[in-house]
């Protein structure tokens, strides 16, 4: 069965975008470009292990609070897997990389591509209306919970336990 032309085109665009984003950078500093077809790839990149997906934007003041908390959580849980997805467009890649370096979250980083924001948000979660910060807790079996807004310490603990990340 031949893949659809649309899927082939999406894969080609993603490959080109990732190659361009990775040119001249070290592996730990790559930021992949997120297309609507990338949602499954993002989850699969964690190889069936529980992780946290943090959706954020450069202009989101509250998102920076999440990064501060994640820094503290990673000190308590060194194996905490964090994936970031910036909703800024690829033109903001230098600023996205700079902020991610500052908060030490340069691995498993993504930035929205040039498709319409609504399509990209829908690919992440059909029920998500764009409020931020948005955090998803993924279990090893692929189940997930999405939370909008700043998360309290007690709620972080509760969601991490649910995902199987913390005991």
N, C-alpha and C. Protein backbone atom coordinates (compact mmCIF):
# COMPACT_ATOMS: atom_id res chain seq x y z
N UNK A 1 0.84 -1.17 0.00
CA UNK A 1 0.00 0.00 0.00
C UNK A 1 0.89 1.24 0.00
N UNK A 2 0.68 2.13 -0.94
CA UNK A 2 1.51 3.33 -1.05
C UNK A 2 1.05 4.41 -0.08
N UNK A 3 2.02 5.08 0.56
CA UNK A 3 1.64 6.19 1.44
C UNK A 3 0.99 7.30 0.62
N UNK A 4 0.11 8.02 1.23
CA UNK A 4 -0.55 9.11 0.52
C UNK A 4 0.45 10.20 0.17
N UNK A 5 0.13 10.94 -0.85
CA UNK A 5 0.99 12.02 -1.29
C UNK A 5 1.17 13.07 -0.19
N UNK A 6 0.09 13.31 0.55
CA UNK A 6 0.13 14.28 1.64
C UNK A 6 1.10 13.84 2.74
N UNK A 7 1.06 12.54 3.08
CA UNK A 7 1.97 12.03 4.11
C UNK A 7 3.42 12.10 3.65
N UNK A 8 3.65 11.76 2.38
CA UNK A 8 5.01 11.84 1.85
C UNK A 8 5.51 13.28 1.87
N UNK A 9 4.66 14.21 1.47
CA UNK A 9 5.03 15.61 1.48
C UNK A 9 5.32 16.09 2.89
N UNK A 10 4.46 15.71 3.85
CA UNK A 10 4.66 16.12 5.25
C UNK A 10 5.98 15.56 5.78
N UNK A 11 6.27 14.31 5.46
CA UNK A 11 7.52 13.69 5.91
C UNK A 11 8.72 14.40 5.30
N UNK A 12 8.62 14.75 4.01
CA UNK A 12 9.72 15.44 3.35
C UNK A 12 9.94 16.83 3.96
N UNK A 13 8.85 17.55 4.21
CA UNK A 13 8.96 18.88 4.80
C UNK A 13 9.57 18.78 6.20
N UNK A 14 9.10 17.82 6.99
CA UNK A 14 9.63 17.65 8.35
C UNK A 14 11.12 17.32 8.30
N UNK A 15 11.51 16.43 7.40
CA UNK A 15 12.91 16.06 7.28
C UNK A 15 13.76 17.27 6.91
N UNK A 16 13.30 18.05 5.93
CA UNK A 16 14.04 19.24 5.53
C UNK A 16 14.12 20.26 6.67
N UNK A 17 13.01 20.45 7.35
CA UNK A 17 12.98 21.42 8.46
C UNK A 17 13.92 20.97 9.58
N UNK A 18 13.90 19.68 9.90
CA UNK A 18 14.76 19.18 10.97
C UNK A 18 16.22 19.29 10.56
N UNK A 19 16.52 19.02 9.29
CA UNK A 19 17.89 19.14 8.80
C UNK A 19 18.36 20.59 8.90
N UNK A 20 17.50 21.51 8.49
CA UNK A 20 17.85 22.93 8.55
C UNK A 20 18.04 23.37 10.00
N UNK A 21 17.15 22.92 10.88
CA UNK A 21 17.24 23.31 12.30
C UNK A 21 18.50 22.73 12.94
N UNK A 22 18.95 21.58 12.46
CA UNK A 22 20.08 20.90 13.08
C UNK A 22 21.42 21.30 12.48
N UNK A 23 21.41 22.00 11.38
CA UNK A 23 22.66 22.35 10.71
C UNK A 23 23.54 23.18 11.64
N UNK A 24 24.75 22.70 11.87
CA UNK A 24 25.71 23.45 12.65
C UNK A 24 25.47 23.44 14.15
N UNK A 25 24.55 22.64 14.63
CA UNK A 25 24.33 22.62 16.08
C UNK A 25 24.72 21.26 16.64
N UNK A 26 24.94 21.23 17.92
CA UNK A 26 25.26 19.98 18.58
C UNK A 26 23.97 19.20 18.78
N UNK A 27 24.02 17.85 18.85
CA UNK A 27 22.82 17.05 18.98
C UNK A 27 21.91 17.46 20.14
N UNK A 28 22.48 17.88 21.26
CA UNK A 28 21.65 18.22 22.42
C UNK A 28 20.89 19.52 22.22
N UNK A 29 21.25 20.31 21.21
CA UNK A 29 20.65 21.62 21.03
C UNK A 29 19.66 21.68 19.87
N UNK A 30 19.31 20.59 19.30
CA UNK A 30 18.40 20.58 18.17
C UNK A 30 16.98 20.93 18.62
N UNK A 31 16.32 21.69 17.79
CA UNK A 31 14.91 21.96 18.00
C UNK A 31 14.22 21.51 16.72
N UNK A 32 13.37 20.50 16.83
CA UNK A 32 12.67 19.98 15.66
C UNK A 32 11.46 20.85 15.36
N UNK A 33 11.11 20.93 14.10
CA UNK A 33 9.94 21.69 13.68
C UNK A 33 8.73 20.77 13.70
N UNK A 34 7.70 21.21 14.42
CA UNK A 34 6.49 20.42 14.62
C UNK A 34 5.49 20.72 13.52
N UNK A 35 5.12 19.68 12.78
CA UNK A 35 4.07 19.76 11.77
C UNK A 35 2.86 18.99 12.30
N UNK A 36 1.72 19.16 11.69
CA UNK A 36 0.53 18.47 12.19
C UNK A 36 0.71 16.95 12.17
N UNK A 37 1.58 16.46 11.31
CA UNK A 37 1.83 15.01 11.25
C UNK A 37 2.86 14.54 12.28
N UNK A 38 3.38 15.46 13.11
CA UNK A 38 4.46 15.13 14.04
C UNK A 38 4.01 14.62 15.40
N UNK A 39 2.72 14.71 15.72
CA UNK A 39 2.26 14.36 17.06
C UNK A 39 2.63 12.93 17.45
N UNK A 40 2.41 12.00 16.56
CA UNK A 40 2.74 10.60 16.86
C UNK A 40 4.25 10.43 17.00
N UNK A 41 5.01 11.12 16.18
CA UNK A 41 6.47 11.03 16.25
C UNK A 41 6.98 11.58 17.57
N UNK A 42 6.37 12.67 18.04
CA UNK A 42 6.77 13.26 19.31
C UNK A 42 6.60 12.25 20.44
N UNK A 43 5.43 11.62 20.50
CA UNK A 43 5.17 10.63 21.56
C UNK A 43 6.09 9.41 21.40
N UNK A 44 6.27 8.95 20.16
CA UNK A 44 7.11 7.78 19.91
C UNK A 44 8.58 8.05 20.24
N UNK A 45 8.99 9.30 20.20
CA UNK A 45 10.39 9.63 20.49
C UNK A 45 10.77 9.27 21.92
N UNK A 46 9.80 9.06 22.77
CA UNK A 46 10.08 8.72 24.17
C UNK A 46 10.11 7.21 24.42
N UNK A 47 9.95 6.43 23.36
CA UNK A 47 10.12 4.98 23.40
C UNK A 47 9.30 4.29 24.49
N UNK A 48 8.05 4.71 24.63
CA UNK A 48 7.17 4.04 25.57
C UNK A 48 7.47 4.30 27.04
N UNK A 49 8.18 5.35 27.33
CA UNK A 49 8.49 5.70 28.72
C UNK A 49 7.62 6.89 29.13
N UNK A 50 7.29 7.00 30.41
CA UNK A 50 6.49 8.15 30.85
C UNK A 50 7.30 9.44 30.68
N UNK A 51 6.58 10.50 30.33
CA UNK A 51 7.25 11.79 30.16
C UNK A 51 6.25 12.93 30.32
N UNK A 52 6.79 14.14 30.38
CA UNK A 52 6.00 15.35 30.50
C UNK A 52 6.22 16.17 29.23
N UNK A 53 5.13 16.58 28.60
CA UNK A 53 5.19 17.48 27.45
C UNK A 53 4.77 18.86 27.93
N UNK A 54 5.68 19.83 27.78
CA UNK A 54 5.42 21.19 28.22
C UNK A 54 5.23 22.05 26.96
N UNK A 55 4.02 22.59 26.80
CA UNK A 55 3.71 23.46 25.67
C UNK A 55 3.81 24.89 26.17
N UNK A 56 4.56 25.71 25.46
CA UNK A 56 4.87 27.04 25.95
C UNK A 56 5.07 28.01 24.79
N UNK A 57 5.29 29.27 25.13
CA UNK A 57 5.55 30.31 24.14
C UNK A 57 6.49 31.35 24.75
N UNK A 58 7.25 31.99 23.90
CA UNK A 58 8.16 33.04 24.36
C UNK A 58 7.44 34.17 25.07
N UNK A 59 6.21 34.47 24.66
CA UNK A 59 5.50 35.60 25.26
C UNK A 59 4.58 35.19 26.41
N UNK A 60 4.70 33.98 26.88
CA UNK A 60 3.86 33.48 27.98
C UNK A 60 4.64 33.61 29.30
N UNK A 61 4.24 34.59 30.10
CA UNK A 61 4.91 34.84 31.39
C UNK A 61 4.77 33.63 32.31
N UNK A 62 3.60 33.04 32.35
CA UNK A 62 3.36 31.92 33.26
C UNK A 62 4.12 30.66 32.85
N UNK A 63 4.45 30.54 31.58
CA UNK A 63 5.22 29.37 31.12
C UNK A 63 6.58 29.32 31.79
N UNK A 64 7.15 30.47 32.05
CA UNK A 64 8.47 30.52 32.68
C UNK A 64 8.42 29.98 34.11
N UNK A 65 7.29 30.14 34.78
CA UNK A 65 7.13 29.54 36.11
C UNK A 65 7.20 28.02 36.02
N UNK A 66 6.57 27.47 34.98
CA UNK A 66 6.64 26.02 34.78
C UNK A 66 8.08 25.56 34.63
N UNK A 67 8.88 26.31 33.87
CA UNK A 67 10.28 25.93 33.68
C UNK A 67 11.04 25.95 35.00
N UNK A 68 10.77 26.93 35.86
CA UNK A 68 11.43 26.98 37.17
C UNK A 68 11.08 25.73 37.98
N UNK A 69 9.81 25.37 37.98
CA UNK A 69 9.37 24.18 38.73
C UNK A 69 9.99 22.91 38.14
N UNK A 70 10.03 22.82 36.83
CA UNK A 70 10.62 21.63 36.19
C UNK A 70 12.08 21.49 36.55
N UNK A 71 12.80 22.60 36.64
CA UNK A 71 14.20 22.56 37.07
C UNK A 71 14.33 21.94 38.44
N UNK A 72 13.46 22.33 39.37
CA UNK A 72 13.48 21.77 40.72
C UNK A 72 13.10 20.29 40.71
N UNK A 73 12.09 19.95 39.89
CA UNK A 73 11.65 18.55 39.82
C UNK A 73 12.74 17.64 39.25
N UNK A 74 13.48 18.14 38.28
CA UNK A 74 14.55 17.33 37.69
C UNK A 74 15.66 17.08 38.71
N UNK A 75 15.85 17.99 39.65
CA UNK A 75 16.84 17.76 40.72
C UNK A 75 16.36 16.62 41.62
N UNK A 76 15.04 16.56 41.87
CA UNK A 76 14.47 15.50 42.71
C UNK A 76 14.32 14.19 41.96
N UNK A 77 14.03 14.27 40.67
CA UNK A 77 13.79 13.09 39.82
C UNK A 77 14.70 13.18 38.59
N UNK A 78 15.96 12.76 38.73
CA UNK A 78 16.92 12.92 37.62
C UNK A 78 16.49 12.22 36.33
N UNK A 79 15.64 11.22 36.43
CA UNK A 79 15.20 10.51 35.22
C UNK A 79 13.94 11.09 34.60
N UNK A 80 13.51 12.26 35.08
CA UNK A 80 12.32 12.91 34.55
C UNK A 80 12.56 13.27 33.09
N UNK A 81 11.71 12.72 32.23
CA UNK A 81 11.81 12.99 30.79
C UNK A 81 10.89 14.15 30.46
N UNK A 82 11.46 15.19 29.87
CA UNK A 82 10.69 16.39 29.54
C UNK A 82 10.84 16.67 28.05
N UNK A 83 9.72 16.87 27.38
CA UNK A 83 9.69 17.29 25.99
C UNK A 83 9.06 18.68 25.97
N UNK A 84 9.66 19.61 25.23
CA UNK A 84 9.09 20.94 25.15
C UNK A 84 8.58 21.20 23.73
N UNK A 85 7.49 21.96 23.66
CA UNK A 85 6.91 22.34 22.37
C UNK A 85 6.57 23.81 22.43
N UNK A 86 7.35 24.63 21.74
CA UNK A 86 7.10 26.07 21.68
C UNK A 86 6.07 26.34 20.59
N UNK A 87 5.07 27.15 20.90
CA UNK A 87 4.04 27.46 19.91
C UNK A 87 4.44 28.66 19.05
N UNK A 88 5.65 29.13 19.22
CA UNK A 88 6.17 30.20 18.37
C UNK A 88 6.51 29.62 17.00
N UNK A 89 6.59 30.45 15.98
CA UNK A 89 6.91 29.91 14.65
C UNK A 89 8.42 29.74 14.50
N UNK A 90 8.86 28.99 13.50
CA UNK A 90 10.29 28.70 13.34
C UNK A 90 11.17 29.93 13.18
N UNK A 91 10.60 31.07 12.80
CA UNK A 91 11.40 32.29 12.70
C UNK A 91 11.97 32.70 14.06
N UNK A 92 11.32 32.26 15.14
CA UNK A 92 11.76 32.59 16.50
C UNK A 92 12.74 31.55 17.05
N UNK A 93 13.22 30.67 16.19
CA UNK A 93 14.09 29.57 16.64
C UNK A 93 15.29 30.04 17.47
N UNK A 94 16.01 31.10 17.09
CA UNK A 94 17.14 31.51 17.93
C UNK A 94 16.72 31.88 19.36
N UNK A 95 15.60 32.58 19.51
CA UNK A 95 15.13 32.97 20.83
C UNK A 95 14.65 31.75 21.62
N UNK A 96 13.99 30.81 20.92
CA UNK A 96 13.52 29.58 21.56
C UNK A 96 14.72 28.80 22.08
N UNK A 97 15.75 28.64 21.25
CA UNK A 97 16.94 27.91 21.66
C UNK A 97 17.62 28.58 22.84
N UNK A 98 17.70 29.90 22.80
CA UNK A 98 18.35 30.65 23.89
C UNK A 98 17.63 30.42 25.21
N UNK A 99 16.30 30.50 25.22
CA UNK A 99 15.56 30.29 26.46
C UNK A 99 15.70 28.83 26.93
N UNK A 100 15.62 27.89 26.01
CA UNK A 100 15.76 26.48 26.39
C UNK A 100 17.14 26.18 26.96
N UNK A 101 18.17 26.81 26.43
CA UNK A 101 19.52 26.63 26.99
C UNK A 101 19.58 27.20 28.40
N UNK A 102 18.95 28.34 28.61
CA UNK A 102 18.98 28.96 29.93
C UNK A 102 18.31 28.08 30.98
N UNK A 103 17.22 27.38 30.61
CA UNK A 103 16.52 26.54 31.57
C UNK A 103 16.95 25.07 31.48
N UNK A 104 17.98 24.82 30.68
CA UNK A 104 18.57 23.47 30.53
C UNK A 104 17.56 22.43 30.05
N UNK A 105 16.79 22.81 29.03
CA UNK A 105 15.81 21.89 28.43
C UNK A 105 16.00 21.83 26.91
N UNK A 106 17.24 21.66 26.48
CA UNK A 106 17.52 21.68 25.05
C UNK A 106 17.27 20.34 24.37
N UNK A 107 17.15 19.29 25.13
CA UNK A 107 16.87 17.98 24.51
C UNK A 107 15.37 17.82 24.31
N UNK A 108 15.01 17.08 23.28
CA UNK A 108 13.60 16.79 23.01
C UNK A 108 12.77 18.07 22.89
N UNK A 109 13.29 19.01 22.13
CA UNK A 109 12.62 20.30 21.97
C UNK A 109 12.03 20.42 20.56
N UNK A 110 10.85 21.02 20.50
CA UNK A 110 10.12 21.22 19.25
C UNK A 110 9.62 22.66 19.20
N UNK A 111 9.39 23.14 18.00
CA UNK A 111 8.78 24.45 17.78
C UNK A 111 7.73 24.29 16.68
N UNK A 112 6.60 24.99 16.83
CA UNK A 112 5.55 24.93 15.81
C UNK A 112 6.11 25.31 14.45
N UNK A 113 5.62 24.63 13.42
CA UNK A 113 6.00 24.93 12.05
C UNK A 113 5.13 26.04 11.47
N UNK A 114 5.11 26.11 10.15
CA UNK A 114 4.42 27.21 9.46
C UNK A 114 2.95 26.91 9.16
N UNK A 115 2.43 25.76 9.53
CA UNK A 115 1.01 25.48 9.32
C UNK A 115 0.18 26.40 10.22
N UNK A 116 -1.10 26.55 9.92
CA UNK A 116 -1.94 27.38 10.80
C UNK A 116 -1.91 26.87 12.25
N UNK A 117 -1.85 27.82 13.18
CA UNK A 117 -1.79 27.49 14.61
C UNK A 117 -2.91 26.54 15.03
N UNK A 118 -4.11 26.77 14.52
CA UNK A 118 -5.26 25.92 14.90
C UNK A 118 -5.01 24.47 14.53
N UNK A 119 -4.45 24.24 13.35
CA UNK A 119 -4.18 22.87 12.88
C UNK A 119 -3.13 22.21 13.78
N UNK A 120 -2.09 22.97 14.14
CA UNK A 120 -1.03 22.41 14.98
C UNK A 120 -1.54 22.13 16.39
N UNK A 121 -2.34 23.05 16.94
CA UNK A 121 -2.92 22.81 18.26
C UNK A 121 -3.81 21.57 18.23
N UNK A 122 -4.62 21.44 17.19
CA UNK A 122 -5.52 20.29 17.06
C UNK A 122 -4.71 18.99 16.99
N UNK A 123 -3.56 19.03 16.31
CA UNK A 123 -2.72 17.82 16.21
C UNK A 123 -2.19 17.41 17.58
N UNK A 124 -1.89 18.40 18.43
CA UNK A 124 -1.43 18.11 19.78
C UNK A 124 -2.57 17.53 20.60
N UNK A 125 -3.73 18.19 20.55
CA UNK A 125 -4.88 17.79 21.35
C UNK A 125 -6.14 18.47 20.79
N UNK A 126 -7.07 17.68 20.25
CA UNK A 126 -8.28 18.28 19.69
C UNK A 126 -9.09 19.09 20.70
N UNK A 127 -8.92 18.83 21.99
CA UNK A 127 -9.68 19.55 23.02
C UNK A 127 -8.96 20.80 23.53
N UNK A 128 -7.74 21.04 23.08
CA UNK A 128 -6.96 22.16 23.57
C UNK A 128 -7.28 23.40 22.74
N UNK A 129 -7.63 24.48 23.41
CA UNK A 129 -8.04 25.71 22.74
C UNK A 129 -6.92 26.75 22.65
N UNK A 130 -5.74 26.42 23.11
CA UNK A 130 -4.60 27.32 22.98
C UNK A 130 -4.17 27.99 24.27
N UNK A 131 -4.86 27.73 25.39
CA UNK A 131 -4.46 28.35 26.65
C UNK A 131 -3.10 27.79 27.08
N UNK A 132 -2.32 28.68 27.75
CA UNK A 132 -0.98 28.28 28.17
C UNK A 132 -0.67 28.83 29.55
N UNK A 133 0.25 28.19 30.23
CA UNK A 133 0.96 27.01 29.78
C UNK A 133 0.03 25.79 29.72
N UNK A 134 0.42 24.84 28.93
CA UNK A 134 -0.32 23.58 28.80
C UNK A 134 0.70 22.47 29.03
N UNK A 135 0.39 21.57 29.94
CA UNK A 135 1.30 20.49 30.29
C UNK A 135 0.57 19.17 30.16
N UNK A 136 1.23 18.22 29.52
CA UNK A 136 0.67 16.88 29.35
C UNK A 136 1.55 15.89 30.09
N UNK A 137 0.90 15.01 30.83
CA UNK A 137 1.60 13.94 31.55
C UNK A 137 1.28 12.64 30.82
N UNK A 138 2.29 12.02 30.27
CA UNK A 138 2.14 10.78 29.50
C UNK A 138 2.58 9.59 30.33
N UNK A 139 1.76 8.56 30.33
CA UNK A 139 2.14 7.28 30.94
C UNK A 139 2.89 6.46 29.91
N UNK A 140 3.55 5.43 30.36
CA UNK A 140 4.30 4.55 29.45
C UNK A 140 3.39 3.91 28.41
N UNK A 141 2.11 3.68 28.76
CA UNK A 141 1.18 3.05 27.83
C UNK A 141 0.54 4.03 26.85
N UNK A 142 0.96 5.31 26.90
CA UNK A 142 0.45 6.30 25.96
C UNK A 142 -0.72 7.14 26.46
N UNK A 143 -1.35 6.72 27.57
CA UNK A 143 -2.42 7.54 28.13
C UNK A 143 -1.83 8.88 28.57
N UNK A 144 -2.66 9.92 28.50
CA UNK A 144 -2.15 11.21 28.92
C UNK A 144 -3.23 12.05 29.58
N UNK A 145 -2.78 13.00 30.38
CA UNK A 145 -3.65 13.99 31.01
C UNK A 145 -3.09 15.36 30.64
N UNK A 146 -3.98 16.26 30.23
CA UNK A 146 -3.57 17.62 29.91
C UNK A 146 -4.03 18.57 30.99
N UNK A 147 -3.17 19.51 31.35
CA UNK A 147 -3.48 20.49 32.39
C UNK A 147 -3.13 21.87 31.85
N UNK A 148 -4.08 22.80 31.95
CA UNK A 148 -3.83 24.18 31.53
C UNK A 148 -3.53 25.04 32.75
N UNK A 149 -2.63 26.00 32.57
CA UNK A 149 -2.30 26.95 33.63
C UNK A 149 -1.10 26.51 34.45
N UNK A 150 -0.77 27.36 35.40
CA UNK A 150 0.35 27.08 36.30
C UNK A 150 -0.08 25.96 37.25
N UNK A 151 0.80 25.01 37.46
CA UNK A 151 0.50 23.83 38.26
C UNK A 151 1.14 23.99 39.65
N UNK A 152 0.34 23.74 40.68
CA UNK A 152 0.86 23.82 42.05
C UNK A 152 1.81 22.64 42.31
N UNK A 153 2.64 22.78 43.34
CA UNK A 153 3.57 21.69 43.70
C UNK A 153 2.81 20.40 43.99
N UNK A 154 1.71 20.49 44.74
CA UNK A 154 0.92 19.30 45.07
C UNK A 154 0.36 18.65 43.81
N UNK A 155 -0.09 19.47 42.85
CA UNK A 155 -0.63 18.91 41.62
C UNK A 155 0.46 18.31 40.75
N UNK A 156 1.66 18.91 40.74
CA UNK A 156 2.77 18.29 40.02
C UNK A 156 3.00 16.88 40.57
N UNK A 157 3.07 16.76 41.90
CA UNK A 157 3.29 15.45 42.52
C UNK A 157 2.20 14.47 42.12
N UNK A 158 0.96 14.91 42.17
CA UNK A 158 -0.18 14.04 41.83
C UNK A 158 -0.10 13.57 40.37
N UNK A 159 0.19 14.49 39.45
CA UNK A 159 0.25 14.12 38.03
C UNK A 159 1.46 13.25 37.72
N UNK A 160 2.59 13.52 38.36
CA UNK A 160 3.77 12.68 38.15
C UNK A 160 3.54 11.26 38.66
N UNK A 161 2.87 11.14 39.80
CA UNK A 161 2.53 9.79 40.30
C UNK A 161 1.60 9.08 39.33
N UNK A 162 0.58 9.80 38.83
CA UNK A 162 -0.37 9.19 37.88
C UNK A 162 0.38 8.66 36.64
N UNK A 163 1.35 9.43 36.18
CA UNK A 163 2.10 9.05 34.97
C UNK A 163 3.11 7.93 35.26
N UNK A 164 3.35 7.64 36.54
CA UNK A 164 4.35 6.61 36.86
C UNK A 164 5.75 7.15 36.88
N UNK A 165 5.90 8.45 37.03
CA UNK A 165 7.22 9.08 37.03
C UNK A 165 7.77 9.18 38.44
N UNK A 166 6.92 9.44 39.39
CA UNK A 166 7.34 9.58 40.79
C UNK A 166 6.50 8.67 41.66
N UNK A 167 7.09 8.17 42.72
CA UNK A 167 6.39 7.24 43.59
C UNK A 167 5.75 7.88 44.69
